[in-house]
C-alpha cells in the first residue's frame, strides 16, 4: 500500500519540480548547487528561515502596536473605548444570533407584541447590537499603522538596494546569464523579509479583526507567498525585486489613507486616496505591463537561451490578480457594505460618498 501511494507522490513531485519547465535548456538543478560568489544561488532550504523570522515580525508587531501605534492614536484623539453595549435581552439575542441581524417589518411587529416594546426601541437595540460586534477604531488604527510602517520601510530599502543594481536601469539584465546569477546579501535580505512579512500576515489574519473580505485576502496572501517562493527557488529574484518594489509603492499610500480616515481627517484621506489611485494605476497597470513586455521580448530575442514558461506564468498570475481584483462585483459590494475591508476598493465608496455629501445638491434620506 505504501509503495503504491509512493508512486503517484513521486510523479507529482517530479512534475512540480520539472527542470524542463523551470529552467532553460541544458540546465539542471544540480548546476545550481555549485559554488558562486556572495550567498551562492537561491535554494529551497533558504525558505525555512522565513518561519522563525515571520514569528519574530509578529512579535515586533505586537510591541509596535502597544507602545508606538496606540499612544499615537490616543494623541490624535482616537478614544480607547468600544461601541455602546446593547441592553441584555435573551429573546432579541436569540433572534440576532440564530435568525437575522436585520429584522423586517413583520418580525419587528411580532417582537414588539412579545416584549411589549415599541418598534423604534427594538430597531435601536438591533443597531446597537450590530455596532457592538464592530471592532474599535483604535484597534483598526494600530493594525493599519503597523502595515504602513512596514510597507514604507521595505519600499525605502528596496529603492536603496535597486538604485545600485544594474537591472533597475536596464531590465534586460534580469535575464543576463540566467540562471547563473549569484545571490547577494542585500537581495537575500530583501526577498526573505518580504516573504516573512506575508507569512506573518497569513498567521495574524486569524487573530486580527475579522472582515467580510477574509477569504479574498487569504487567497491574496497565499498567491503572493507562492509567487515570491517559486520565483526565489528558481532564481528569478532580479525580476522579483522589481515586482515587489512596484507593489510596495502603492501599499503604504493605501494604509496612510486608512489612518487618515480613522483619525477623521477627511480631506487628507480623500487626497491620499486620489494619490494612491493614481500611483496604483501607473505602477501596476502601466509600468508593470510595460516592463515585463520588455522582459519577455529580451527572453525571446536572446538566442543563447530558450524561452521558458515560469517567467510568463508568474507575471501573468500577478497581473491577472491586479486587473481583475478591483473590478470584481463582489469586492465592490464588500467595499460598500464594509468600509474596513482590506481590498483597495473599500475606500472608493467612502471617497465618492463623502464627495456627494459635500455637494450642494445632496439631499439626505
Protein backbone atom coordinates (compact mmCIF):
# COMPACT_ATOMS: atom_id res chain seq x y z
CA UNK A 1 0.00 0.00 0.00
CA UNK A 2 2.80 2.43 0.93
CA UNK A 3 4.66 1.61 -2.27
CA UNK A 4 1.52 2.15 -4.32
CA UNK A 5 0.97 5.55 -2.71
CA UNK A 6 4.61 6.50 -3.15
CA UNK A 7 4.40 6.17 -6.94
CA UNK A 8 1.84 8.95 -7.54
CA UNK A 9 3.57 11.19 -5.00
CA UNK A 10 6.90 10.73 -6.75
CA UNK A 11 5.31 11.54 -10.10
CA UNK A 12 3.66 14.64 -8.64
CA UNK A 13 6.92 15.78 -7.06
CA UNK A 14 8.82 15.21 -10.28
CA UNK A 15 6.22 17.10 -12.29
CA UNK A 16 6.19 20.02 -9.82
CA UNK A 17 9.97 20.48 -10.00
CA UNK A 18 10.41 19.61 -13.65
CA UNK A 19 13.68 21.07 -14.93
CA UNK A 20 12.15 21.34 -18.38
CA UNK A 21 9.52 23.71 -17.01
CA UNK A 22 11.52 25.78 -14.52
CA UNK A 23 14.97 26.03 -16.10
CA UNK A 24 16.41 26.90 -19.51
CA UNK A 25 17.52 24.13 -21.85
CA UNK A 26 20.58 22.10 -20.79
CA UNK A 27 20.44 23.43 -17.20
CA UNK A 28 19.68 21.17 -14.23
CA UNK A 29 19.06 21.74 -10.54
CA UNK A 30 22.44 20.16 -9.84
CA UNK A 31 24.11 23.00 -11.74
CA UNK A 32 22.73 25.48 -9.18
CA UNK A 33 24.25 23.54 -6.29
CA UNK A 34 27.74 24.63 -7.30
CA UNK A 35 29.69 27.46 -5.65
CA UNK A 36 29.06 31.09 -6.53
CA UNK A 37 30.02 34.48 -5.18
CA UNK A 38 28.17 36.01 -2.24
CA UNK A 39 25.42 33.79 -0.82
CA UNK A 40 25.64 31.31 -3.67
CA UNK A 41 22.48 30.53 -5.60
CA UNK A 42 18.98 30.57 -4.09
CA UNK A 43 17.99 27.20 -2.64
CA UNK A 44 14.75 25.80 -1.36
CA UNK A 45 16.09 25.33 2.16
CA UNK A 46 16.57 29.09 2.46
CA UNK A 47 12.78 29.37 2.65
CA UNK A 48 12.82 27.56 6.01
CA UNK A 49 14.42 30.59 7.66
CA UNK A 50 11.27 32.54 6.84
CA UNK A 51 9.13 30.89 9.54
CA UNK A 52 11.09 31.93 12.67
CA UNK A 53 11.55 35.35 11.08
CA UNK A 54 7.78 35.60 10.49
CA UNK A 55 7.19 34.76 14.17
CA UNK A 56 9.70 37.46 15.13
CA UNK A 57 7.94 40.00 12.90
CA UNK A 58 4.62 39.13 14.53
CA UNK A 59 6.14 39.66 17.99
CA UNK A 60 7.63 43.01 16.92
CA UNK A 61 4.22 43.98 15.61
CA UNK A 62 2.60 43.34 18.99
CA UNK A 63 5.19 45.57 20.68
CA UNK A 64 4.83 48.23 17.97
CA UNK A 65 1.03 48.38 18.27
CA UNK A 66 1.12 48.59 22.05
CA UNK A 67 3.98 51.04 22.64
CA UNK A 68 4.01 53.15 19.47
CA UNK A 69 0.76 52.92 17.48
CA UNK A 70 -1.63 53.08 20.44
CA UNK A 71 -0.03 56.20 22.04
CA UNK A 72 -0.08 57.89 18.62
CA UNK A 73 -3.78 57.08 18.21
CA UNK A 74 -4.62 58.42 21.67
CA UNK A 75 -2.58 61.55 21.00
CA UNK A 76 -4.64 62.46 17.92
CA UNK A 77 -7.92 61.91 19.72
CA UNK A 78 -8.95 58.33 18.92
CA UNK A 79 -10.73 57.05 22.01
CA UNK A 80 -9.83 53.78 23.71
CA UNK A 81 -13.43 52.65 24.11
CA UNK A 82 -15.70 50.16 22.43
CA UNK A 83 -19.17 50.78 20.99
CA UNK A 84 -22.31 51.25 23.05
CA UNK A 85 -23.41 47.98 24.67
CA UNK A 86 -26.94 46.84 23.88
CA UNK A 87 -29.27 46.13 26.79
CA UNK A 88 -29.20 42.38 27.60
CA UNK A 89 -32.29 40.61 26.27
CA UNK A 90 -32.43 36.84 25.75
CA UNK A 91 -35.23 36.89 23.16
CA UNK A 92 -33.67 39.55 20.94
CA UNK A 93 -30.24 37.98 21.33
CA UNK A 94 -31.59 34.64 20.11
CA UNK A 95 -33.15 36.33 17.05
CA UNK A 96 -29.93 38.24 16.38
CA UNK A 97 -27.68 35.18 16.59
CA UNK A 98 -29.89 32.47 15.10
CA UNK A 99 -32.26 34.19 12.66
CA UNK A 100 -31.32 37.64 11.38
CA UNK A 101 -29.38 40.75 12.28
CA UNK A 102 -31.71 42.88 10.15
CA UNK A 103 -35.31 42.00 11.07
CA UNK A 104 -38.04 43.03 8.63
CA UNK A 105 -41.17 44.98 9.49
CA UNK A 106 -43.29 41.88 10.16
CA UNK A 107 -40.74 40.41 12.59
CA UNK A 108 -40.30 43.76 14.33
CA UNK A 109 -44.04 43.99 14.94
CA UNK A 110 -44.11 40.43 16.32
CA UNK A 111 -41.23 41.15 18.68
CA UNK A 112 -42.90 44.38 19.73
CA UNK A 113 -46.02 42.49 20.85
CA UNK A 114 -43.98 39.75 22.52
CA UNK A 115 -41.79 42.13 24.55
CA UNK A 116 -44.25 44.99 24.90
CA UNK A 117 -41.65 47.31 23.36
CA UNK A 118 -42.32 49.81 20.62
CA UNK A 119 -40.80 49.11 17.20
CA UNK A 120 -38.44 52.07 17.44
CA UNK A 121 -36.85 50.71 20.61
CA UNK A 122 -36.33 47.28 19.02
CA UNK A 123 -34.73 48.86 15.95
CA UNK A 124 -32.35 50.77 18.22
CA UNK A 125 -31.48 47.55 20.08
CA UNK A 126 -30.55 45.75 16.86
CA UNK A 127 -28.48 48.72 15.67
CA UNK A 128 -26.57 48.85 18.96
CA UNK A 129 -26.11 45.09 18.89
CA UNK A 130 -24.65 45.20 15.36
CA UNK A 131 -22.30 48.01 16.34
CA UNK A 132 -21.28 46.02 19.40
CA UNK A 133 -19.62 43.41 17.16
CA UNK A 134 -17.63 46.02 15.26
CA UNK A 135 -14.00 46.42 16.37
CA UNK A 136 -13.00 49.74 17.94
CA UNK A 137 -11.34 52.34 15.76
CA UNK A 138 -8.25 52.23 17.96
CA UNK A 139 -7.61 48.59 17.06
CA UNK A 140 -8.04 49.24 13.35
CA UNK A 141 -5.74 52.28 13.54
CA UNK A 142 -2.98 50.24 15.21
CA UNK A 143 -3.19 47.48 12.60
CA UNK A 144 -3.01 49.96 9.72
CA UNK A 145 -0.15 51.88 11.29
CA UNK A 146 1.90 48.69 11.54
CA UNK A 147 1.33 47.83 7.87
CA UNK A 148 2.02 51.43 6.83
CA UNK A 149 5.33 51.42 8.72
CA UNK A 150 6.48 48.12 7.26
CA UNK A 151 5.47 48.92 3.68
CA UNK A 152 7.18 52.30 3.85
CA UNK A 153 10.39 50.89 5.35
CA UNK A 154 10.62 47.95 2.95
CA UNK A 155 9.92 50.24 -0.02
CA UNK A 156 12.71 52.61 1.05
CA UNK A 157 15.07 49.66 1.48
CA UNK A 158 14.07 48.28 -1.92
CA UNK A 159 14.70 51.60 -3.68
CA UNK A 160 18.06 51.97 -1.94
CA UNK A 161 19.06 48.43 -2.93
CA UNK A 162 17.79 48.62 -6.51
CA UNK A 163 19.35 52.02 -7.13
CA UNK A 164 22.78 50.40 -7.27
CA UNK A 165 21.56 47.30 -9.15
CA UNK A 166 22.16 47.14 -12.92
CA UNK A 167 18.75 45.57 -13.69
CA UNK A 168 16.98 48.59 -12.18
CA UNK A 169 18.33 50.72 -15.05
CA UNK A 170 18.37 48.03 -17.74
CA UNK A 171 15.57 45.47 -17.31
CA UNK A 172 17.20 43.09 -19.76
CA UNK A 173 19.86 42.45 -17.12
CA UNK A 174 17.26 40.39 -15.25
CA UNK A 175 17.95 37.52 -17.65
CA UNK A 176 21.66 38.12 -18.30
CA UNK A 177 23.44 34.79 -17.71
CA UNK A 178 20.28 33.33 -16.16
CA UNK A 179 20.05 31.21 -14.03
CA UNK A 180 23.70 31.55 -13.01
CA UNK A 181 23.21 34.81 -11.10
CA UNK A 182 24.83 34.86 -7.63
CA UNK A 183 22.70 35.87 -4.69
CA UNK A 184 23.96 38.98 -2.89
CA UNK A 185 23.32 39.66 0.79
CA UNK A 186 21.12 42.68 0.06
CA UNK A 187 18.99 40.73 -2.37
CA UNK A 188 18.66 37.82 0.05
CA UNK A 189 17.52 40.03 2.95
CA UNK A 190 15.06 41.89 0.71
CA UNK A 191 13.41 38.70 -0.52
CA UNK A 192 13.34 36.85 2.79
CA UNK A 193 11.99 39.86 4.69
CA UNK A 194 9.13 40.35 2.21
CA UNK A 195 8.27 36.66 2.32
CA UNK A 196 8.40 36.55 6.12
CA UNK A 197 6.11 39.57 6.36
CA UNK A 198 3.45 37.96 4.18
CA UNK A 199 3.68 34.76 6.21
CA UNK A 200 3.13 36.85 9.36
CA UNK A 201 0.07 38.41 7.70
CA UNK A 202 -1.17 34.93 6.89
CA UNK A 203 -0.88 33.90 10.54
CA UNK A 204 -2.19 37.14 12.04
CA UNK A 205 -5.23 37.16 9.78
CA UNK A 206 -6.78 34.60 12.12
CA UNK A 207 -6.23 36.83 15.17
CA UNK A 208 -6.86 40.23 13.59
CA UNK A 209 -10.22 41.91 13.12
CA UNK A 210 -12.50 39.59 11.15
CA UNK A 211 -13.60 41.34 7.97
CA UNK A 212 -16.02 40.33 5.26
CA UNK A 213 -13.22 40.01 2.71
CA UNK A 214 -11.35 37.48 4.86
CA UNK A 215 -11.40 34.79 2.15
CA UNK A 216 -10.32 37.20 -0.59
CA UNK A 217 -7.33 38.40 1.42
CA UNK A 218 -6.46 34.85 2.45
CA UNK A 219 -6.24 33.86 -1.22
CA UNK A 220 -4.29 37.05 -1.93
CA UNK A 221 -1.69 36.27 0.73
CA UNK A 222 -1.49 32.65 -0.43
CA UNK A 223 -0.89 33.66 -4.05
CA UNK A 224 1.67 36.27 -3.01
CA UNK A 225 3.60 33.75 -0.90
CA UNK A 226 3.53 31.26 -3.79
CA UNK A 227 4.81 33.82 -6.31
CA UNK A 228 7.64 35.01 -4.06
CA UNK A 229 8.65 31.47 -3.04
CA UNK A 230 8.74 29.96 -6.53
CA UNK A 231 10.49 32.97 -8.06
CA UNK A 232 13.15 32.69 -5.33
CA UNK A 233 13.70 28.95 -5.73
CA UNK A 234 14.24 29.17 -9.50
CA UNK A 235 16.41 32.30 -9.10
CA UNK A 236 14.10 34.83 -10.76
CA UNK A 237 14.95 37.19 -7.91
CA UNK A 238 16.08 40.10 -10.07
CA UNK A 239 12.70 40.38 -11.75
CA UNK A 240 11.07 39.64 -8.39
CA UNK A 241 12.68 42.62 -6.68
CA UNK A 242 11.30 44.94 -9.35
CA UNK A 243 7.80 43.49 -8.93
CA UNK A 244 7.88 43.79 -5.14
CA UNK A 245 9.08 47.39 -5.27
CA UNK A 246 6.32 48.32 -7.73
CA UNK A 247 3.73 46.81 -5.42
CA UNK A 248 5.05 48.35 -2.20
CA UNK A 249 4.94 51.91 -3.55
CA UNK A 250 1.12 51.94 -3.58
CA UNK A 251 0.58 49.79 -0.48
CA UNK A 252 1.89 52.31 2.05
CA UNK A 253 -0.19 55.08 0.45
CA UNK A 254 -3.31 52.98 0.92
CA UNK A 255 -2.53 52.41 4.59
CA UNK A 256 -1.84 56.13 5.04
CA UNK A 257 -5.31 56.90 3.62
CA UNK A 258 -6.84 54.45 6.10
CA UNK A 259 -5.03 56.11 9.00
CA UNK A 260 -6.38 59.50 7.96
CA UNK A 261 -9.85 58.00 7.69
CA UNK A 262 -9.71 56.54 11.21
CA UNK A 263 -8.42 59.86 12.57
CA UNK A 264 -11.36 61.63 10.84
CA UNK A 265 -9.10 63.78 8.67
CA UNK A 266 -11.44 63.51 5.70
CA UNK A 267 -9.69 65.96 3.37
CA UNK A 268 -6.35 64.27 3.95
CA UNK A 269 -7.98 60.86 3.48
CA UNK A 270 -9.53 61.89 0.14
CA UNK A 271 -6.24 63.41 -1.05
CA UNK A 272 -4.23 60.32 -0.13
CA UNK A 273 -6.78 58.06 -1.79
CA UNK A 274 -6.56 60.05 -5.04
CA UNK A 275 -2.76 59.81 -4.91
CA UNK A 276 -2.98 56.09 -4.16
CA UNK A 277 -5.37 55.53 -7.09
CA UNK A 278 -3.06 57.37 -9.48
CA UNK A 279 0.06 55.53 -8.28
CA UNK A 280 -1.78 52.19 -8.36
CA UNK A 281 -2.87 52.68 -11.98
CA UNK A 282 0.51 53.97 -13.15
CA UNK A 283 2.66 51.31 -11.46
CA UNK A 284 0.52 48.17 -11.73
CA UNK A 285 -1.38 48.83 -14.95
CA UNK A 286 1.24 50.97 -16.70
CA UNK A 287 4.86 50.43 -15.67
CA UNK A 288 4.38 46.79 -14.68
CA UNK A 289 2.98 45.51 -18.03
CA UNK A 290 5.45 47.67 -19.96
CA UNK A 291 8.47 46.43 -18.03
CA UNK A 292 7.51 42.81 -18.48
CA UNK A 293 6.81 43.22 -22.16
CA UNK A 294 10.47 44.27 -22.36
CA UNK A 295 11.47 41.29 -20.21
CA UNK A 296 9.63 38.77 -22.36
CA UNK A 297 10.99 40.32 -25.54
CA UNK A 298 14.52 40.00 -24.17
CA UNK A 299 13.86 36.30 -23.46
CA UNK A 300 12.76 35.55 -27.00
CA UNK A 301 15.39 37.80 -28.56
CA UNK A 302 18.25 36.09 -26.70
CA UNK A 303 19.30 33.25 -29.00
CA UNK A 304 21.60 31.71 -26.41
CA UNK A 305 18.68 30.93 -24.15
CA UNK A 306 15.46 29.11 -24.87
CA UNK A 307 12.17 30.75 -23.88
CA UNK A 308 10.66 29.13 -20.81
CA UNK A 309 7.32 29.23 -19.04
CA UNK A 310 7.81 30.27 -15.39
CA UNK A 311 8.50 33.96 -16.01
CA UNK A 312 5.38 34.26 -18.12
CA UNK A 313 3.34 32.18 -15.68
CA UNK A 314 4.31 34.14 -12.56
CA UNK A 315 3.93 37.55 -14.13
CA UNK A 316 0.58 36.74 -15.75
CA UNK A 317 -0.82 35.42 -12.47
CA UNK A 318 0.16 38.61 -10.66
CA UNK A 319 -1.05 40.87 -13.47
CA UNK A 320 -4.34 38.98 -13.71
CA UNK A 321 -4.96 39.48 -9.97
CA UNK A 322 -4.20 43.20 -10.30
CA UNK A 323 -6.53 43.64 -13.25
CA UNK A 324 -9.48 41.55 -12.12
CA UNK A 325 -9.45 42.02 -8.34
CA UNK A 326 -10.64 45.64 -8.11
CA UNK A 327 -13.25 45.02 -10.82
CA UNK A 328 -14.98 42.06 -9.19
CA UNK A 329 -18.59 42.94 -8.37
CA UNK A 330 -18.21 41.03 -5.11
CA UNK A 331 -15.33 43.24 -3.96
CA UNK A 332 -17.30 46.35 -4.86
CA UNK A 333 -20.18 45.03 -2.77
CA UNK A 334 -17.81 44.37 0.12
CA UNK A 335 -16.42 47.88 -0.16
CA UNK A 336 -19.88 49.35 0.17
CA UNK A 337 -21.05 47.06 2.96
CA UNK A 338 -17.80 47.04 4.97
CA UNK A 339 -15.65 50.18 4.71
CA UNK A 340 -12.93 48.50 6.77
CA UNK A 341 -12.37 45.63 4.35
CA UNK A 342 -8.81 45.08 3.18
CA UNK A 343 -9.29 45.48 -0.54
CA UNK A 344 -8.39 48.83 -2.19
CA UNK A 345 -11.93 49.43 -3.45
CA UNK A 346 -13.19 49.80 0.11
CA UNK A 347 -12.05 53.42 0.18
CA UNK A 348 -13.56 54.23 -3.20
CA UNK A 349 -17.12 54.17 -1.95
CA UNK A 350 -16.17 56.23 1.09
CA UNK A 351 -14.40 58.79 -1.08
CA UNK A 352 -17.29 59.24 -3.51
CA UNK A 353 -19.87 59.19 -0.72
CA UNK A 354 -18.05 61.98 1.10
CA UNK A 355 -17.78 63.94 -2.15
CA UNK A 356 -21.50 63.51 -2.68
CA UNK A 357 -22.32 64.66 0.84
CA UNK A 358 -20.25 67.80 0.27
CA UNK A 359 -22.18 68.57 -2.88
CA UNK A 360 -24.75 71.45 -2.60
CA UNK A 361 -27.29 69.28 -4.43
CA UNK A 362 -27.09 66.41 -1.95
CA UNK A 363 -30.37 65.60 -0.24
CA UNK A 364 -30.16 63.29 2.78
CA UNK A 365 -32.62 60.42 3.00
